[in-house]
């Protein structure tokens, strides 16, 4: 079964890249910004899904 979404780390592994190299390449191509958030255009086209999570004192809620 093919998952609907995969993480950046999973995508990098599939492409035989390290996550850092993949993120650097995506930043150079303006696919993601300095905060690793996707360009609005790619989100609207369905290439990315973003989630909002709350952190308090370093703990995820």
Protein backbone atom coordinates (compact mmCIF):
# COMPACT_ATOMS: atom_id res chain seq x y z
CA UNK A 1 0.00 0.00 0.00
CA UNK A 2 1.34 3.43 -0.93
CA UNK A 3 1.13 6.03 1.86
CA UNK A 4 -0.71 9.25 1.10
CA UNK A 5 2.08 11.37 2.62
CA UNK A 6 5.73 10.77 3.52
CA UNK A 7 8.14 12.87 5.55
CA UNK A 8 11.09 14.75 4.08
CA UNK A 9 13.40 12.20 5.74
CA UNK A 10 11.53 9.31 4.08
CA UNK A 11 11.63 11.05 0.69
CA UNK A 12 15.38 11.65 1.04
CA UNK A 13 15.97 7.99 1.88
CA UNK A 14 13.94 6.90 -1.16
CA UNK A 15 16.12 9.12 -3.36
CA UNK A 16 19.34 7.86 -1.74
CA UNK A 17 20.09 11.29 -0.28
CA UNK A 18 20.71 12.38 3.24
CA UNK A 19 17.99 14.61 4.68
CA UNK A 20 20.40 17.55 4.98
CA UNK A 21 21.41 17.37 1.32
CA UNK A 22 17.82 17.11 0.20
CA UNK A 23 16.77 20.08 2.33
CA UNK A 24 19.71 22.15 1.05
CA UNK A 25 18.78 21.34 -2.56
CA UNK A 26 15.13 22.24 -1.95
CA UNK A 27 16.19 25.56 -0.38
CA UNK A 28 18.43 26.38 -3.37
CA UNK A 29 15.51 25.74 -5.72
CA UNK A 30 13.16 27.87 -3.54
CA UNK A 31 10.89 24.88 -2.91
CA UNK A 32 11.17 25.43 0.84
CA UNK A 33 12.21 28.51 2.79
CA UNK A 34 14.83 29.03 5.51
CA UNK A 35 12.40 27.66 8.12
CA UNK A 36 11.81 24.51 6.03
CA UNK A 37 8.26 25.57 5.17
CA UNK A 38 7.11 24.87 1.63
CA UNK A 39 6.56 27.60 -0.92
CA UNK A 40 2.85 28.44 -1.05
CA UNK A 41 2.64 27.40 -4.71
CA UNK A 42 3.73 23.83 -3.96
CA UNK A 43 1.30 23.52 -1.06
CA UNK A 44 -1.58 24.70 -3.27
CA UNK A 45 -0.62 22.11 -5.91
CA UNK A 46 -0.79 19.36 -3.28
CA UNK A 47 2.92 18.51 -3.14
CA UNK A 48 3.19 19.38 0.56
CA UNK A 49 1.01 19.07 3.62
CA UNK A 50 1.94 21.14 6.65
CA UNK A 51 0.91 20.50 10.24
CA UNK A 52 0.83 22.92 13.13
CA UNK A 53 2.03 21.57 16.45
CA UNK A 54 2.34 23.27 19.81
CA UNK A 55 5.53 23.19 21.86
CA UNK A 56 5.72 24.38 25.45
CA UNK A 57 9.11 24.36 27.16
CA UNK A 58 10.42 21.95 24.54
CA UNK A 59 7.56 19.43 24.90
CA UNK A 60 5.20 18.59 22.07
CA UNK A 61 1.48 18.85 22.84
